[in-house]
């Protein structure tokens, strides 16, 4: 499971961004990932909500490719909400 804790951009613990942008279809995300090897490799995790909002978590350094990927989906970057913070992958068993 991926967790994300919002932090100030300047925090030493900040290592990721969470991007939320409306107007995205699930099928378009799949198509775009198949067509974009860089996005498949760099962008760690994301999902599309039932109301069509993309939620994408990526390393801070990968914000430029995440932005390119998001706009390639046809989403309006001006509508995007970008939060900075700390991401962590949690496994089920210790």
PDB file of N, CA and C in Angstrom:
ATOM      1  N   UNK A   1       0.840  -1.149   0.000  1.00  0.00           N
ATOM      2  CA  UNK A   1       0.000   0.000   0.000  1.00  0.00           C
ATOM      3  C   UNK A   1       0.897   1.228   0.000  1.00  0.00           C
ATOM      4  N   UNK A   2       0.488   2.237  -0.734  1.00  0.00           N
ATOM      5  CA  UNK A   2       1.198   3.501  -0.790  1.00  0.00           C
ATOM      6  C   UNK A   2       0.535   4.481   0.169  1.00  0.00           C
ATOM      7  N   UNK A   3       1.333   5.100   1.024  1.00  0.00           N
ATOM      8  CA  UNK A   3       0.817   6.154   1.898  1.00  0.00           C
ATOM      9  C   UNK A   3       1.481   7.467   1.516  1.00  0.00           C
ATOM     10  N   UNK A   4       0.782   8.554   1.783  1.00  0.00           N
ATOM     11  CA  UNK A   4       1.310   9.879   1.475  1.00  0.00           C
ATOM     12  C   UNK A   4       0.955  10.811   2.616  1.00  0.00           C
ATOM     13  N   UNK A   5       1.979  11.469   3.169  1.00  0.00           N
ATOM     14  CA  UNK A   5       1.787  12.418   4.269  1.00  0.00           C
ATOM     15  C   UNK A   5       2.177  13.804   3.765  1.00  0.00           C
ATOM     16  N   UNK A   6       1.227  14.728   3.752  1.00  0.00           N
ATOM     17  CA  UNK A   6       1.492  16.091   3.283  1.00  0.00           C
ATOM     18  C   UNK A   6       2.471  16.788   4.214  1.00  0.00           C
ATOM     19  N   UNK A   7       3.439  17.465   3.607  1.00  0.00           N
ATOM     20  CA  UNK A   7       4.457  18.218   4.341  1.00  0.00           C
ATOM     21  C   UNK A   7       4.745  19.508   3.588  1.00  0.00           C
ATOM     22  N   UNK A   8       5.368  20.473   4.245  1.00  0.00           N
ATOM     23  CA  UNK A   8       5.796  21.666   3.509  1.00  0.00           C
ATOM     24  C   UNK A   8       6.815  21.281   2.432  1.00  0.00           C
ATOM     25  N   UNK A   9       6.790  22.012   1.351  1.00  0.00           N
ATOM     26  CA  UNK A   9       7.711  21.731   0.241  1.00  0.00           C
ATOM     27  C   UNK A   9       9.160  21.757   0.702  1.00  0.00           C
ATOM     28  N   UNK A  10       9.471  22.606   1.668  1.00  0.00           N
ATOM     29  CA  UNK A  10      10.844  22.782   2.145  1.00  0.00           C
ATOM     30  C   UNK A  10      11.271  21.763   3.206  1.00  0.00           C
ATOM     31  N   UNK A  11      10.374  20.888   3.634  1.00  0.00           N
ATOM     32  CA  UNK A  11      10.714  19.913   4.677  1.00  0.00           C
ATOM     33  C   UNK A  11      11.783  18.947   4.158  1.00  0.00           C
ATOM     34  N   UNK A  12      12.761  18.603   5.010  1.00  0.00           N
ATOM     35  CA  UNK A  12      13.778  17.636   4.588  1.00  0.00           C
ATOM     36  C   UNK A  12      13.195  16.240   4.324  1.00  0.00           C
ATOM     37  N   UNK A  13      12.011  15.961   4.857  1.00  0.00           N
ATOM     38  CA  UNK A  13      11.371  14.659   4.635  1.00  0.00           C
ATOM     39  C   UNK A  13      10.573  14.599   3.332  1.00  0.00           C
ATOM     40  N   UNK A  14      10.359  15.744   2.696  1.00  0.00           N
ATOM     41  CA  UNK A  14       9.584  15.776   1.460  1.00  0.00           C
ATOM     42  C   UNK A  14      10.357  15.081   0.348  1.00  0.00           C
ATOM     43  N   UNK A  15       9.738  14.036  -0.208  1.00  0.00           N
ATOM     44  CA  UNK A  15      10.376  13.295  -1.288  1.00  0.00           C
ATOM     45  C   UNK A  15       9.441  13.014  -2.459  1.00  0.00           C
ATOM     46  N   UNK A  16       8.197  13.499  -2.371  1.00  0.00           N
ATOM     47  CA  UNK A  16       7.220  13.162  -3.402  1.00  0.00           C
ATOM     48  C   UNK A  16       6.185  14.266  -3.567  1.00  0.00           C
ATOM     49  N   UNK A  17       5.439  14.141  -4.662  1.00  0.00           N
ATOM     50  CA  UNK A  17       4.303  15.019  -4.911  1.00  0.00           C
ATOM     51  C   UNK A  17       3.075  14.151  -5.126  1.00  0.00           C
ATOM     52  N   UNK A  18       1.939  14.697  -4.734  1.00  0.00           N
ATOM     53  CA  UNK A  18       0.660  14.071  -5.022  1.00  0.00           C
ATOM     54  C   UNK A  18      -0.083  15.034  -5.944  1.00  0.00           C
ATOM     55  N   UNK A  19      -0.430  14.546  -7.115  1.00  0.00           N
ATOM     56  CA  UNK A  19      -1.122  15.370  -8.110  1.00  0.00           C
ATOM     57  C   UNK A  19      -2.555  14.892  -8.198  1.00  0.00           C
ATOM     58  N   UNK A  20      -3.482  15.836  -8.094  1.00  0.00           N
ATOM     59  CA  UNK A  20      -4.900  15.532  -8.248  1.00  0.00           C
ATOM     60  C   UNK A  20      -5.437  16.443  -9.341  1.00  0.00           C
ATOM     61  N   UNK A  21      -6.025  15.843 -10.371  1.00  0.00           N
ATOM     62  CA  UNK A  21      -6.532  16.635 -11.484  1.00  0.00           C
ATOM     63  C   UNK A  21      -7.811  16.001 -12.024  1.00  0.00           C
ATOM     64  N   UNK A  22      -8.839  16.818 -12.246  1.00  0.00           N
ATOM     65  CA  UNK A  22     -10.106  16.280 -12.748  1.00  0.00           C
ATOM     66  C   UNK A  22     -10.072  16.046 -14.257  1.00  0.00           C
ATOM     67  N   UNK A  23     -11.074  15.301 -14.722  1.00  0.00           N
ATOM     68  CA  UNK A  23     -11.286  15.143 -16.156  1.00  0.00           C
ATOM     69  C   UNK A  23     -10.477  14.056 -16.819  1.00  0.00           C
ATOM     70  N   UNK A  24     -10.249  12.942 -16.115  1.00  0.00           N
ATOM     71  CA  UNK A  24      -9.418  11.860 -16.660  1.00  0.00           C
ATOM     72  C   UNK A  24     -10.213  10.558 -16.699  1.00  0.00           C
ATOM     73  N   UNK A  25     -10.142   9.872 -17.814  1.00  0.00           N
ATOM     74  CA  UNK A  25     -10.786   8.560 -17.958  1.00  0.00           C
ATOM     75  C   UNK A  25      -9.779   7.449 -17.671  1.00  0.00           C
ATOM     76  N   UNK A  26     -10.221   6.397 -17.016  1.00  0.00           N
ATOM     77  CA  UNK A  26      -9.360   5.259 -16.699  1.00  0.00           C
ATOM     78  C   UNK A  26      -8.748   4.682 -17.972  1.00  0.00           C
ATOM     79  N   UNK A  27      -9.551   4.513 -19.005  1.00  0.00           N
ATOM     80  CA  UNK A  27      -9.052   3.924 -20.247  1.00  0.00           C
ATOM     81  C   UNK A  27      -7.939   4.771 -20.853  1.00  0.00           C
ATOM     82  N   UNK A  28      -8.018   6.067 -20.699  1.00  0.00           N
ATOM     83  CA  UNK A  28      -6.981   6.952 -21.247  1.00  0.00           C
ATOM     84  C   UNK A  28      -5.673   6.790 -20.488  1.00  0.00           C
ATOM     85  N   UNK A  29      -5.734   6.578 -19.179  1.00  0.00           N
ATOM     86  CA  UNK A  29      -4.518   6.366 -18.391  1.00  0.00           C
ATOM     87  C   UNK A  29      -3.813   5.097 -18.861  1.00  0.00           C
ATOM     88  N   UNK A  30      -4.572   4.044 -19.052  1.00  0.00           N
ATOM     89  CA  UNK A  30      -3.994   2.777 -19.521  1.00  0.00           C
ATOM     90  C   UNK A  30      -3.322   2.961 -20.874  1.00  0.00           C
ATOM     91  N   UNK A  31      -4.016   3.599 -21.803  1.00  0.00           N
ATOM     92  CA  UNK A  31      -3.470   3.838 -23.142  1.00  0.00           C
ATOM     93  C   UNK A  31      -2.194   4.676 -23.073  1.00  0.00           C
ATOM     94  N   UNK A  32      -2.221   5.715 -22.253  1.00  0.00           N
ATOM     95  CA  UNK A  32      -1.070   6.614 -22.145  1.00  0.00           C
ATOM     96  C   UNK A  32       0.136   5.907 -21.531  1.00  0.00           C
ATOM     97  N   UNK A  33      -0.091   5.049 -20.534  1.00  0.00           N
ATOM     98  CA  UNK A  33       1.020   4.308 -19.941  1.00  0.00           C
ATOM     99  C   UNK A  33       1.628   3.320 -20.932  1.00  0.00           C
ATOM    100  N   UNK A  34       0.789   2.684 -21.723  1.00  0.00           N
ATOM    101  CA  UNK A  34       1.298   1.766 -22.738  1.00  0.00           C
ATOM    102  C   UNK A  34       2.131   2.497 -23.789  1.00  0.00           C
ATOM    103  N   UNK A  35       1.771   3.736 -24.084  1.00  0.00           N
ATOM    104  CA  UNK A  35       2.448   4.507 -25.118  1.00  0.00           C
ATOM    105  C   UNK A  35       3.673   5.273 -24.608  1.00  0.00           C
ATOM    106  N   UNK A  36       3.855   5.364 -23.294  1.00  0.00           N
ATOM    107  CA  UNK A  36       4.913   6.209 -22.731  1.00  0.00           C
ATOM    108  C   UNK A  36       5.809   5.414 -21.781  1.00  0.00           C
ATOM    109  N   UNK A  37       6.918   4.860 -22.302  1.00  0.00           N
ATOM    110  CA  UNK A  37       7.816   4.064 -21.451  1.00  0.00           C
ATOM    111  C   UNK A  37       8.398   4.856 -20.275  1.00  0.00           C
ATOM    112  N   UNK A  38       8.683   6.148 -20.480  1.00  0.00           N
ATOM    113  CA  UNK A  38       9.229   6.955 -19.385  1.00  0.00           C
ATOM    114  C   UNK A  38       8.225   7.061 -18.238  1.00  0.00           C
ATOM    115  N   UNK A  39       6.979   7.300 -18.576  1.00  0.00           N
ATOM    116  CA  UNK A  39       5.943   7.398 -17.542  1.00  0.00           C
ATOM    117  C   UNK A  39       5.796   6.072 -16.807  1.00  0.00           C
ATOM    118  N   UNK A  40       5.793   4.972 -17.537  1.00  0.00           N
ATOM    119  CA  UNK A  40       5.683   3.651 -16.892  1.00  0.00           C
ATOM    120  C   UNK A  40       6.816   3.428 -15.908  1.00  0.00           C
ATOM    121  N   UNK A  41       8.023   3.849 -16.283  1.00  0.00           N
ATOM    122  CA  UNK A  41       9.199   3.620 -15.444  1.00  0.00           C
ATOM    123  C   UNK A  41       9.265   4.564 -14.248  1.00  0.00           C
ATOM    124  N   UNK A  42       8.962   5.830 -14.456  1.00  0.00           N
ATOM    125  CA  UNK A  42       9.192   6.841 -13.419  1.00  0.00           C
ATOM    126  C   UNK A  42       8.029   7.065 -12.463  1.00  0.00           C
ATOM    127  N   UNK A  43       6.815   6.952 -12.942  1.00  0.00           N
ATOM    128  CA  UNK A  43       5.671   7.334 -12.115  1.00  0.00           C
ATOM    129  C   UNK A  43       5.211   6.144 -11.291  1.00  0.00           C
ATOM    130  N   UNK A  44       5.349   6.271  -9.993  1.00  0.00           N
ATOM    131  CA  UNK A  44       5.171   5.141  -9.099  1.00  0.00           C
ATOM    132  C   UNK A  44       3.767   4.621  -8.914  1.00  0.00           C
ATOM    133  N   UNK A  45       2.784   5.455  -8.828  1.00  0.00           N
ATOM    134  CA  UNK A  45       1.452   4.943  -8.578  1.00  0.00           C
ATOM    135  C   UNK A  45       0.399   5.993  -8.783  1.00  0.00           C
ATOM    136  N   UNK A  46      -0.747   5.550  -9.195  1.00  0.00           N
ATOM    137  CA  UNK A  46      -1.828   6.484  -9.415  1.00  0.00           C
ATOM    138  C   UNK A  46      -3.137   5.746  -9.588  1.00  0.00           C
ATOM    139  N   UNK A  47      -4.196   6.495  -9.542  1.00  0.00           N
ATOM    140  CA  UNK A  47      -5.515   5.908  -9.750  1.00  0.00           C
ATOM    141  C   UNK A  47      -6.454   6.988 -10.253  1.00  0.00           C
ATOM    142  N   UNK A  48      -7.603   6.536 -10.735  1.00  0.00           N
ATOM    143  CA  UNK A  48      -8.646   7.452 -11.181  1.00  0.00           C
ATOM    144  C   UNK A  48      -9.877   7.161 -10.339  1.00  0.00           C
ATOM    145  N   UNK A  49     -10.435   8.205  -9.746  1.00  0.00           N
ATOM    146  CA  UNK A  49     -11.619   8.053  -8.909  1.00  0.00           C
ATOM    147  C   UNK A  49     -12.853   7.863  -9.787  1.00  0.00           C
ATOM    148  N   UNK A  50     -13.941   7.462  -9.172  1.00  0.00           N
ATOM    149  CA  UNK A  50     -15.184   7.253  -9.909  1.00  0.00           C
ATOM    150  C   UNK A  50     -15.675   8.518 -10.601  1.00  0.00           C
ATOM    151  N   UNK A  51     -15.356   9.674 -10.040  1.00  0.00           N
ATOM    152  CA  UNK A  51     -15.794  10.923 -10.673  1.00  0.00           C
ATOM    153  C   UNK A  51     -14.741  11.502 -11.625  1.00  0.00           C
ATOM    154  N   UNK A  52     -13.725  10.701 -11.994  1.00  0.00           N
ATOM    155  CA  UNK A  52     -12.777  11.102 -13.024  1.00  0.00           C
ATOM    156  C   UNK A  52     -11.639  11.995 -12.593  1.00  0.00           C
ATOM    157  N   UNK A  53     -11.228  11.886 -11.335  1.00  0.00           N
ATOM    158  CA  UNK A  53     -10.058  12.638 -10.859  1.00  0.00           C
ATOM    159  C   UNK A  53      -8.856  11.722 -10.826  1.00  0.00           C
ATOM    160  N   UNK A  54      -7.785  12.135 -11.488  1.00  0.00           N
ATOM    161  CA  UNK A  54      -6.524  11.408 -11.440  1.00  0.00           C
ATOM    162  C   UNK A  54      -5.828  11.735 -10.129  1.00  0.00           C
ATOM    163  N   UNK A  55      -5.380  10.719  -9.418  1.00  0.00           N
ATOM    164  CA  UNK A  55      -4.541  10.872  -8.225  1.00  0.00           C
ATOM    165  C   UNK A  55      -3.235  10.169  -8.544  1.00  0.00           C
ATOM    166  N   UNK A  56      -2.167  10.954  -8.623  1.00  0.00           N
ATOM    167  CA  UNK A  56      -0.875  10.425  -9.038  1.00  0.00           C
ATOM    168  C   UNK A  56       0.158  10.818  -8.003  1.00  0.00           C
ATOM    169  N   UNK A  57       0.953   9.857  -7.532  1.00  0.00           N
ATOM    170  CA  UNK A  57       2.036  10.118  -6.590  1.00  0.00           C
ATOM    171  C   UNK A  57       3.343   9.803  -7.305  1.00  0.00           C
ATOM    172  N   UNK A  58       4.280  10.754  -7.251  1.00  0.00           N
ATOM    173  CA  UNK A  58       5.552  10.595  -7.944  1.00  0.00           C
ATOM    174  C   UNK A  58       6.668  11.243  -7.132  1.00  0.00           C
ATOM    175  N   UNK A  59       7.901  10.800  -7.331  1.00  0.00           N
ATOM    176  CA  UNK A  59       9.021  11.482  -6.688  1.00  0.00           C
ATOM    177  C   UNK A  59       9.068  12.954  -7.103  1.00  0.00           C
ATOM    178  N   UNK A  60       9.533  13.809  -6.217  1.00  0.00           N
ATOM    179  CA  UNK A  60       9.601  15.243  -6.497  1.00  0.00           C
ATOM    180  C   UNK A  60      10.360  15.498  -7.802  1.00  0.00           C
ATOM    181  N   UNK A  61      11.469  14.807  -8.005  1.00  0.00           N
ATOM    182  CA  UNK A  61      12.276  15.017  -9.213  1.00  0.00           C
ATOM    183  C   UNK A  61      11.533  14.628 -10.486  1.00  0.00           C
ATOM    184  N   UNK A  62      10.482  13.856 -10.360  1.00  0.00           N
ATOM    185  CA  UNK A  62       9.718  13.424 -11.530  1.00  0.00           C
ATOM    186  C   UNK A  62       8.470  14.267 -11.770  1.00  0.00           C
ATOM    187  N   UNK A  63       8.414  15.447 -11.146  1.00  0.00           N
ATOM    188  CA  UNK A  63       7.268  16.333 -11.389  1.00  0.00           C
ATOM    189  C   UNK A  63       7.168  16.742 -12.863  1.00  0.00           C
ATOM    190  N   UNK A  64       8.273  17.097 -13.546  1.00  0.00           N
ATOM    191  CA  UNK A  64       8.138  17.446 -14.971  1.00  0.00           C
ATOM    192  C   UNK A  64       7.559  16.313 -15.835  1.00  0.00           C
ATOM    193  N   UNK A  65       8.055  15.063 -15.731  1.00  0.00           N
ATOM    194  CA  UNK A  65       7.412  14.014 -16.531  1.00  0.00           C
ATOM    195  C   UNK A  65       5.982  13.713 -16.072  1.00  0.00           C
ATOM    196  N   UNK A  66       5.703  13.885 -14.792  1.00  0.00           N
ATOM    197  CA  UNK A  66       4.324  13.682 -14.307  1.00  0.00           C
ATOM    198  C   UNK A  66       3.402  14.737 -14.911  1.00  0.00           C
ATOM    199  N   UNK A  67       3.899  15.952 -15.024  1.00  0.00           N
ATOM    200  CA  UNK A  67       3.092  17.015 -15.641  1.00  0.00           C
ATOM    201  C   UNK A  67       2.858  16.712 -17.119  1.00  0.00           C
ATOM    202  N   UNK A  68       3.909  16.291 -17.828  1.00  0.00           N
ATOM    203  CA  UNK A  68       3.761  15.947 -19.249  1.00  0.00           C
ATOM    204  C   UNK A  68       2.757  14.817 -19.421  1.00  0.00           C
ATOM    205  N   UNK A  69       2.858  13.802 -18.566  1.00  0.00           N
ATOM    206  CA  UNK A  69       1.948  12.666 -18.636  1.00  0.00           C
ATOM    207  C   UNK A  69       0.510  13.111 -18.388  1.00  0.00           C
ATOM    208  N   UNK A  70       0.322  13.931 -17.380  1.00  0.00           N
ATOM    209  CA  UNK A  70      -1.021  14.405 -17.027  1.00  0.00           C
ATOM    210  C   UNK A  70      -1.643  15.202 -18.174  1.00  0.00           C
ATOM    211  N   UNK A  71      -0.872  16.102 -18.757  1.00  0.00           N
ATOM    212  CA  UNK A  71      -1.421  16.898 -19.855  1.00  0.00           C
ATOM    213  C   UNK A  71      -1.621  16.053 -21.109  1.00  0.00           C
ATOM    214  N   UNK A  72      -0.787  15.021 -21.302  1.00  0.00           N
ATOM    215  CA  UNK A  72      -0.979  14.112 -22.441  1.00  0.00           C
ATOM    216  C   UNK A  72      -2.300  13.350 -22.324  1.00  0.00           C
ATOM    217  N   UNK A  73      -2.797  13.202 -21.115  1.00  0.00           N
ATOM    218  CA  UNK A  73      -4.095  12.555 -20.898  1.00  0.00           C
ATOM    219  C   UNK A  73      -5.257  13.444 -21.316  1.00  0.00           C
ATOM    220  N   UNK A  74      -4.946  14.707 -21.589  1.00  0.00           N
ATOM    221  CA  UNK A  74      -5.995  15.655 -21.928  1.00  0.00           C
ATOM    222  C   UNK A  74      -6.491  16.426 -20.718  1.00  0.00           C
ATOM    223  N   UNK A  75      -5.850  16.239 -19.584  1.00  0.00           N
ATOM    224  CA  UNK A  75      -6.244  16.950 -18.367  1.00  0.00           C
ATOM    225  C   UNK A  75      -5.714  18.382 -18.408  1.00  0.00           C
ATOM    226  N   UNK A  76      -6.416  19.279 -17.759  1.00  0.00           N
ATOM    227  CA  UNK A  76      -6.041  20.687 -17.693  1.00  0.00           C
ATOM    228  C   UNK A  76      -5.122  20.896 -16.486  1.00  0.00           C
ATOM    229  N   UNK A  77      -3.828  21.129 -16.746  1.00  0.00           N
ATOM    230  CA  UNK A  77      -2.860  21.290 -15.662  1.00  0.00           C
ATOM    231  C   UNK A  77      -3.227  22.473 -14.767  1.00  0.00           C
ATOM    232  N   UNK A  78      -3.902  23.474 -15.304  1.00  0.00           N
ATOM    233  CA  UNK A  78      -4.312  24.617 -14.479  1.00  0.00           C
ATOM    234  C   UNK A  78      -5.325  24.206 -13.413  1.00  0.00           C
ATOM    235  N   UNK A  79      -5.973  23.073 -13.607  1.00  0.00           N
ATOM    236  CA  UNK A  79      -6.928  22.553 -12.626  1.00  0.00           C
ATOM    237  C   UNK A  79      -6.266  21.594 -11.627  1.00  0.00           C
ATOM    238  N   UNK A  80      -4.989  21.288 -11.855  1.00  0.00           N
ATOM    239  CA  UNK A  80      -4.280  20.322 -11.001  1.00  0.00           C
ATOM    240  C   UNK A  80      -3.991  20.916  -9.631  1.00  0.00           C
ATOM    241  N   UNK A  81      -4.063  20.055  -8.639  1.00  0.00           N
ATOM    242  CA  UNK A  81      -3.684  20.413  -7.273  1.00  0.00           C
ATOM    243  C   UNK A  81      -2.462  19.578  -6.938  1.00  0.00           C
ATOM    244  N   UNK A  82      -1.356  20.230  -6.633  1.00  0.00           N
ATOM    245  CA  UNK A  82      -0.098  19.542  -6.341  1.00  0.00           C
ATOM    246  C   UNK A  82       0.227  19.749  -4.874  1.00  0.00           C
ATOM    247  N   UNK A  83       0.391  18.634  -4.169  1.00  0.00           N
ATOM    248  CA  UNK A  83       0.771  18.678  -2.752  1.00  0.00           C
ATOM    249  C   UNK A  83       2.141  18.013  -2.615  1.00  0.00           C
ATOM    250  N   UNK A  84       2.946  18.538  -1.725  1.00  0.00           N
ATOM    251  CA  UNK A  84       4.263  17.966  -1.450  1.00  0.00           C
ATOM    252  C   UNK A  84       4.197  17.169  -0.159  1.00  0.00           C
ATOM    253  N   UNK A  85       5.041  16.133  -0.061  1.00  0.00           N
ATOM    254  CA  UNK A  85       5.048  15.347   1.148  1.00  0.00           C
ATOM    255  C   UNK A  85       5.976  14.157   1.096  1.00  0.00           C
ATOM    256  N   UNK A  86       5.704  13.211   1.975  1.00  0.00           N
ATOM    257  CA  UNK A  86       6.515  12.008   2.137  1.00  0.00           C
ATOM    258  C   UNK A  86       5.691  10.794   1.731  1.00  0.00           C
ATOM    259  N   UNK A  87       6.211   9.997   0.824  1.00  0.00           N
ATOM    260  CA  UNK A  87       5.510   8.776   0.429  1.00  0.00           C
ATOM    261  C   UNK A  87       6.216   7.589   1.036  1.00  0.00           C
ATOM    262  N   UNK A  88       5.437   6.547   1.268  1.00  0.00           N
ATOM    263  CA  UNK A  88       5.990   5.326   1.845  1.00  0.00           C
ATOM    264  C   UNK A  88       5.178   4.150   1.326  1.00  0.00           C
ATOM    265  N   UNK A  89       5.877   3.064   1.049  1.00  0.00           N
ATOM    266  CA  UNK A  89       5.195   1.838   0.644  1.00  0.00           C
ATOM    267  C   UNK A  89       5.145   0.921   1.854  1.00  0.00           C
ATOM    268  N   UNK A  90       3.956   0.511   2.233  1.00  0.00           N
ATOM    269  CA  UNK A  90       3.745  -0.310   3.418  1.00  0.00           C
ATOM    270  C   UNK A  90       3.396  -1.728   2.968  1.00  0.00           C
ATOM    271  N   UNK A  91       4.076  -2.701   3.550  1.00  0.00           N
ATOM    272  CA  UNK A  91       3.763  -4.101   3.239  1.00  0.00           C
ATOM    273  C   UNK A  91       2.920  -4.697   4.355  1.00  0.00           C
ATOM    274  N   UNK A  92       2.251  -5.781   4.041  1.00  0.00           N
ATOM    275  CA  UNK A  92       1.333  -6.400   5.001  1.00  0.00           C
ATOM    276  C   UNK A  92       1.992  -7.094   6.167  1.00  0.00           C
ATOM    277  N   UNK A  93       3.111  -7.745   5.939  1.00  0.00           N
ATOM    278  CA  UNK A  93       3.734  -8.520   7.020  1.00  0.00           C
ATOM    279  C   UNK A  93       5.100  -7.929   7.361  1.00  0.00           C
ATOM    280  N   UNK A  94       5.447  -7.930   8.641  1.00  0.00           N
ATOM    281  CA  UNK A  94       6.782  -7.396   9.052  1.00  0.00           C
ATOM    282  C   UNK A  94       7.908  -8.327   8.648  1.00  0.00           C
TER     283      UNK A  94
END
